[in-house]
Amino acid sequence: MKIGIIIETSELEKSWNAFRFAVTAKKQGHEVKVFLMGEAVECEGLIDEKYNVDEQLKSFVNIGGEILACGTCLKSRQLNETEACPISTMVDCVNMVVWADKTVTF
């Protein structure tokens, strides 16, 4: 199955669970893409002793997961794209939703 995941939060437990879901789905053999928008573009580098979002994000990328990051949201926070989170657009988000069999939001 093709699963699209839209993450809109950088709240530790919620974003950590979103990436855990992405990792689990990928490990089960699903095609998975994640689109970060709003404050979720801040997830890379988000480290907490209990909810290590960055670790889950990197695990997702390391097993072949694809992350897209809203360019407008990055720019409004004066952040740059990274290798793990390239700048994307709303067109990319729409294309991901169209591509996906199911879309989940966190």
N, C-alpha and C. Protein backbone atom coordinates (compact mmCIF):
# COMPACT_ATOMS: atom_id res chain seq x y z
N MET A 1 0.84 -1.18 0.00
CA MET A 1 0.00 0.00 0.00
C MET A 1 0.88 1.24 0.00
N LYS A 2 0.39 2.30 -0.62
CA LYS A 2 1.08 3.59 -0.62
C LYS A 2 0.45 4.46 0.46
N ILE A 3 1.27 4.89 1.41
CA ILE A 3 0.77 5.67 2.55
C ILE A 3 1.42 7.05 2.55
N GLY A 4 0.58 8.07 2.53
CA GLY A 4 1.04 9.45 2.66
C GLY A 4 0.77 9.91 4.08
N ILE A 5 1.76 10.55 4.68
CA ILE A 5 1.62 11.03 6.05
C ILE A 5 1.89 12.53 6.06
N ILE A 6 0.95 13.29 6.56
CA ILE A 6 1.12 14.74 6.72
C ILE A 6 1.29 15.01 8.20
N ILE A 7 2.42 15.63 8.53
CA ILE A 7 2.70 15.98 9.92
C ILE A 7 2.68 17.50 10.03
N GLU A 8 1.88 18.01 10.99
CA GLU A 8 1.74 19.45 11.16
C GLU A 8 2.20 19.94 12.53
N THR A 9 2.81 19.07 13.32
CA THR A 9 3.18 19.45 14.68
C THR A 9 4.63 19.11 14.98
N SER A 10 5.24 19.91 15.82
CA SER A 10 6.57 19.57 16.35
C SER A 10 6.45 19.21 17.83
N GLU A 11 5.19 19.06 18.30
CA GLU A 11 4.98 18.62 19.68
C GLU A 11 5.63 17.24 19.80
N LEU A 12 6.46 17.09 20.81
CA LEU A 12 7.35 15.94 20.91
C LEU A 12 6.66 14.59 20.77
N GLU A 13 5.70 14.29 21.60
CA GLU A 13 5.10 12.96 21.57
C GLU A 13 4.34 12.71 20.27
N LYS A 14 3.62 13.71 19.78
CA LYS A 14 2.84 13.53 18.55
C LYS A 14 3.74 13.33 17.34
N SER A 15 4.75 14.15 17.18
CA SER A 15 5.64 14.01 16.02
C SER A 15 6.47 12.74 16.12
N TRP A 16 6.87 12.36 17.34
CA TRP A 16 7.60 11.11 17.56
C TRP A 16 6.73 9.93 17.13
N ASN A 17 5.46 9.92 17.53
CA ASN A 17 4.54 8.85 17.13
C ASN A 17 4.30 8.83 15.63
N ALA A 18 4.23 10.00 15.01
CA ALA A 18 4.04 10.07 13.56
C ALA A 18 5.19 9.39 12.83
N PHE A 19 6.41 9.67 13.26
CA PHE A 19 7.57 9.05 12.62
C PHE A 19 7.69 7.57 12.99
N ARG A 20 7.28 7.19 14.18
CA ARG A 20 7.25 5.77 14.53
C ARG A 20 6.29 5.03 13.61
N PHE A 21 5.13 5.64 13.35
CA PHE A 21 4.15 5.07 12.42
C PHE A 21 4.77 4.92 11.03
N ALA A 22 5.46 5.96 10.57
CA ALA A 22 6.09 5.92 9.24
C ALA A 22 7.14 4.81 9.15
N VAL A 23 7.97 4.69 10.19
CA VAL A 23 9.01 3.66 10.22
C VAL A 23 8.37 2.27 10.21
N THR A 24 7.36 2.08 11.02
CA THR A 24 6.69 0.78 11.10
C THR A 24 6.04 0.41 9.77
N ALA A 25 5.37 1.36 9.14
CA ALA A 25 4.73 1.09 7.85
C ALA A 25 5.78 0.73 6.80
N LYS A 26 6.88 1.46 6.80
CA LYS A 26 7.95 1.19 5.83
C LYS A 26 8.55 -0.20 6.06
N LYS A 27 8.78 -0.54 7.31
CA LYS A 27 9.34 -1.86 7.64
C LYS A 27 8.38 -2.99 7.27
N GLN A 28 7.08 -2.71 7.22
CA GLN A 28 6.11 -3.71 6.82
C GLN A 28 5.98 -3.82 5.30
N GLY A 29 6.79 -3.05 4.59
CA GLY A 29 6.84 -3.16 3.14
C GLY A 29 5.98 -2.16 2.37
N HIS A 30 5.38 -1.21 3.06
CA HIS A 30 4.57 -0.20 2.38
C HIS A 30 5.47 0.89 1.80
N GLU A 31 4.99 1.54 0.75
CA GLU A 31 5.65 2.73 0.23
C GLU A 31 5.13 3.89 1.08
N VAL A 32 6.04 4.70 1.60
CA VAL A 32 5.62 5.75 2.54
C VAL A 32 6.31 7.07 2.19
N LYS A 33 5.52 8.13 2.15
CA LYS A 33 6.04 9.49 1.99
C LYS A 33 5.49 10.34 3.12
N VAL A 34 6.32 11.25 3.63
CA VAL A 34 5.92 12.16 4.70
C VAL A 34 6.03 13.59 4.19
N PHE A 35 5.00 14.38 4.44
CA PHE A 35 5.04 15.81 4.11
C PHE A 35 4.97 16.59 5.42
N LEU A 36 5.97 17.42 5.66
CA LEU A 36 6.03 18.26 6.85
C LEU A 36 5.51 19.65 6.51
N MET A 37 4.56 20.13 7.30
CA MET A 37 4.09 21.50 7.11
C MET A 37 3.89 22.17 8.47
N GLY A 38 3.79 23.49 8.44
CA GLY A 38 3.68 24.23 9.70
C GLY A 38 4.89 23.97 10.57
N GLU A 39 4.64 23.88 11.86
CA GLU A 39 5.75 23.72 12.81
C GLU A 39 6.47 22.38 12.66
N ALA A 40 5.91 21.44 11.92
CA ALA A 40 6.57 20.13 11.74
C ALA A 40 7.88 20.25 10.97
N VAL A 41 8.06 21.35 10.23
CA VAL A 41 9.34 21.52 9.52
C VAL A 41 10.50 21.67 10.51
N GLU A 42 10.18 21.83 11.79
CA GLU A 42 11.21 21.94 12.84
C GLU A 42 11.57 20.58 13.44
N CYS A 43 11.02 19.49 12.93
CA CYS A 43 11.23 18.16 13.53
C CYS A 43 12.67 17.65 13.44
N GLU A 44 13.34 17.96 12.35
CA GLU A 44 14.73 17.50 12.24
C GLU A 44 15.56 18.20 13.32
N GLY A 45 16.28 17.41 14.08
CA GLY A 45 17.08 17.96 15.18
C GLY A 45 16.33 18.06 16.49
N LEU A 46 15.09 17.62 16.52
CA LEU A 46 14.26 17.68 17.73
C LEU A 46 14.57 16.46 18.59
N ILE A 47 15.34 16.68 19.64
CA ILE A 47 15.81 15.58 20.49
C ILE A 47 15.29 15.77 21.91
N ASP A 48 14.72 14.71 22.44
CA ASP A 48 14.23 14.68 23.80
C ASP A 48 14.59 13.31 24.36
N GLU A 49 14.85 13.25 25.64
CA GLU A 49 15.23 11.98 26.26
C GLU A 49 14.16 10.91 26.08
N LYS A 50 12.90 11.29 26.22
CA LYS A 50 11.80 10.33 26.12
C LYS A 50 11.27 10.19 24.69
N TYR A 51 11.14 11.32 23.98
CA TYR A 51 10.58 11.33 22.63
C TYR A 51 11.59 11.91 21.65
N ASN A 52 12.50 11.07 21.18
CA ASN A 52 13.57 11.52 20.30
C ASN A 52 13.06 11.52 18.85
N VAL A 53 12.47 12.63 18.46
CA VAL A 53 11.89 12.78 17.12
C VAL A 53 12.96 12.63 16.05
N ASP A 54 14.09 13.28 16.25
CA ASP A 54 15.17 13.25 15.26
C ASP A 54 15.64 11.83 14.98
N GLU A 55 15.71 11.01 16.01
CA GLU A 55 16.13 9.62 15.84
C GLU A 55 15.14 8.85 14.95
N GLN A 56 13.85 9.05 15.19
CA GLN A 56 12.83 8.38 14.38
C GLN A 56 12.84 8.91 12.94
N LEU A 57 13.01 10.22 12.78
CA LEU A 57 13.09 10.83 11.45
C LEU A 57 14.25 10.21 10.68
N LYS A 58 15.40 10.13 11.31
CA LYS A 58 16.59 9.57 10.65
C LYS A 58 16.41 8.08 10.36
N SER A 59 15.75 7.36 11.25
CA SER A 59 15.47 5.94 11.00
C SER A 59 14.61 5.79 9.75
N PHE A 60 13.61 6.67 9.61
CA PHE A 60 12.73 6.63 8.45
C PHE A 60 13.52 6.87 7.16
N VAL A 61 14.36 7.88 7.17
CA VAL A 61 15.17 8.20 5.99
C VAL A 61 16.13 7.06 5.68
N ASN A 62 16.75 6.48 6.72
CA ASN A 62 17.73 5.42 6.53
C ASN A 62 17.15 4.15 5.93
N ILE A 63 15.85 3.93 6.09
CA ILE A 63 15.24 2.73 5.51
C ILE A 63 14.54 3.05 4.18
N GLY A 64 14.85 4.21 3.64
CA GLY A 64 14.35 4.57 2.31
C GLY A 64 13.09 5.39 2.29
N GLY A 65 12.68 5.94 3.43
CA GLY A 65 11.50 6.80 3.47
C GLY A 65 11.78 8.14 2.83
N GLU A 66 10.75 8.74 2.27
CA GLU A 66 10.88 10.04 1.61
C GLU A 66 10.16 11.11 2.41
N ILE A 67 10.88 12.21 2.68
CA ILE A 67 10.30 13.34 3.41
C ILE A 67 10.30 14.56 2.50
N LEU A 68 9.19 15.28 2.51
CA LEU A 68 9.06 16.54 1.81
C LEU A 68 8.74 17.60 2.85
N ALA A 69 9.31 18.79 2.71
CA ALA A 69 9.08 19.85 3.69
C ALA A 69 8.55 21.10 2.98
N CYS A 70 7.48 21.66 3.50
CA CYS A 70 6.86 22.85 2.93
C CYS A 70 7.85 24.01 2.89
N GLY A 71 8.14 24.48 1.69
CA GLY A 71 9.10 25.57 1.53
C GLY A 71 8.64 26.86 2.17
N THR A 72 7.36 27.18 2.07
CA THR A 72 6.82 28.39 2.69
C THR A 72 6.97 28.32 4.19
N CYS A 73 6.71 27.14 4.76
CA CYS A 73 6.81 26.96 6.22
C CYS A 73 8.27 27.06 6.67
N LEU A 74 9.18 26.51 5.88
CA LEU A 74 10.61 26.63 6.21
C LEU A 74 11.04 28.10 6.16
N LYS A 75 10.68 28.78 5.08
CA LYS A 75 11.08 30.18 4.91
C LYS A 75 10.52 31.07 6.01
N SER A 76 9.27 30.83 6.42
CA SER A 76 8.67 31.67 7.46
C SER A 76 9.38 31.51 8.80
N ARG A 77 10.11 30.40 8.95
CA ARG A 77 10.88 30.16 10.18
C ARG A 77 12.37 30.40 9.96
N GLN A 78 12.70 30.93 8.81
CA GLN A 78 14.08 31.20 8.42
C GLN A 78 14.95 29.95 8.52
N LEU A 79 14.38 28.83 8.07
CA LEU A 79 15.10 27.56 8.03
C LEU A 79 15.42 27.22 6.58
N ASN A 80 16.46 26.43 6.39
CA ASN A 80 16.85 25.98 5.06
C ASN A 80 16.49 24.52 4.88
N GLU A 81 16.38 24.12 3.63
CA GLU A 81 16.16 22.71 3.37
C GLU A 81 17.40 21.93 3.80
N THR A 82 17.21 20.65 4.03
CA THR A 82 18.32 19.76 4.35
C THR A 82 18.23 18.56 3.41
N GLU A 83 19.22 17.73 3.45
CA GLU A 83 19.19 16.53 2.61
C GLU A 83 18.00 15.66 2.97
N ALA A 84 17.71 15.55 4.27
CA ALA A 84 16.59 14.72 4.73
C ALA A 84 15.25 15.39 4.46
N CYS A 85 15.22 16.73 4.47
CA CYS A 85 13.97 17.47 4.32
C CYS A 85 14.10 18.53 3.22
N PRO A 86 13.99 18.10 1.96
CA PRO A 86 14.11 19.07 0.86
C PRO A 86 12.88 19.98 0.75
N ILE A 87 13.10 21.18 0.23
CA ILE A 87 12.00 22.12 0.03
C ILE A 87 11.01 21.56 -0.97
N SER A 88 9.74 21.62 -0.60
CA SER A 88 8.66 21.16 -1.45
C SER A 88 7.56 22.21 -1.46
N THR A 89 6.53 21.95 -2.25
CA THR A 89 5.45 22.92 -2.40
C THR A 89 4.10 22.25 -2.09
N MET A 90 3.06 23.05 -2.08
CA MET A 90 1.72 22.50 -1.91
C MET A 90 1.37 21.58 -3.07
N VAL A 91 1.91 21.86 -4.25
CA VAL A 91 1.69 20.96 -5.39
C VAL A 91 2.25 19.58 -5.05
N ASP A 92 3.43 19.54 -4.42
CA ASP A 92 4.02 18.26 -4.01
C ASP A 92 3.14 17.56 -2.97
N CYS A 93 2.55 18.33 -2.07
CA CYS A 93 1.66 17.76 -1.06
C CYS A 93 0.42 17.16 -1.73
N VAL A 94 -0.18 17.90 -2.65
CA VAL A 94 -1.34 17.40 -3.37
C VAL A 94 -0.97 16.14 -4.15
N ASN A 95 0.18 16.16 -4.81
CA ASN A 95 0.63 14.99 -5.58
C ASN A 95 0.83 13.78 -4.68
N MET A 96 1.32 13.99 -3.47
CA MET A 96 1.50 12.89 -2.53
C MET A 96 0.15 12.29 -2.14
N VAL A 97 -0.83 13.16 -1.87
CA VAL A 97 -2.16 12.69 -1.50
C VAL A 97 -2.80 11.91 -2.65
N VAL A 98 -2.63 12.39 -3.86
CA VAL A 98 -3.16 11.70 -5.03
C VAL A 98 -2.46 10.35 -5.21
N TRP A 99 -1.15 10.32 -4.99
CA TRP A 99 -0.34 9.10 -5.12
C TRP A 99 -0.75 8.05 -4.10
N ALA A 100 -1.07 8.50 -2.89
CA ALA A 100 -1.31 7.59 -1.77
C ALA A 100 -2.65 6.85 -1.88
N ASP A 101 -2.62 5.59 -1.42
CA ASP A 101 -3.88 4.86 -1.26
C ASP A 101 -4.62 5.37 -0.03
N LYS A 102 -3.85 5.72 0.98
CA LYS A 102 -4.38 6.26 2.24
C LYS A 102 -3.47 7.40 2.68
N THR A 103 -4.09 8.43 3.28
CA THR A 103 -3.33 9.54 3.84
C THR A 103 -3.71 9.69 5.31
N VAL A 104 -2.70 9.87 6.14
CA VAL A 104 -2.87 10.02 7.58
C VAL A 104 -2.27 11.36 7.98
N THR A 105 -2.93 12.07 8.88
CA THR A 105 -2.37 13.34 9.36
C THR A 105 -2.13 13.26 10.87
N PHE A 106 -1.08 13.91 11.29
CA PHE A 106 -0.74 14.02 12.71
C PHE A 106 -0.57 15.49 13.02
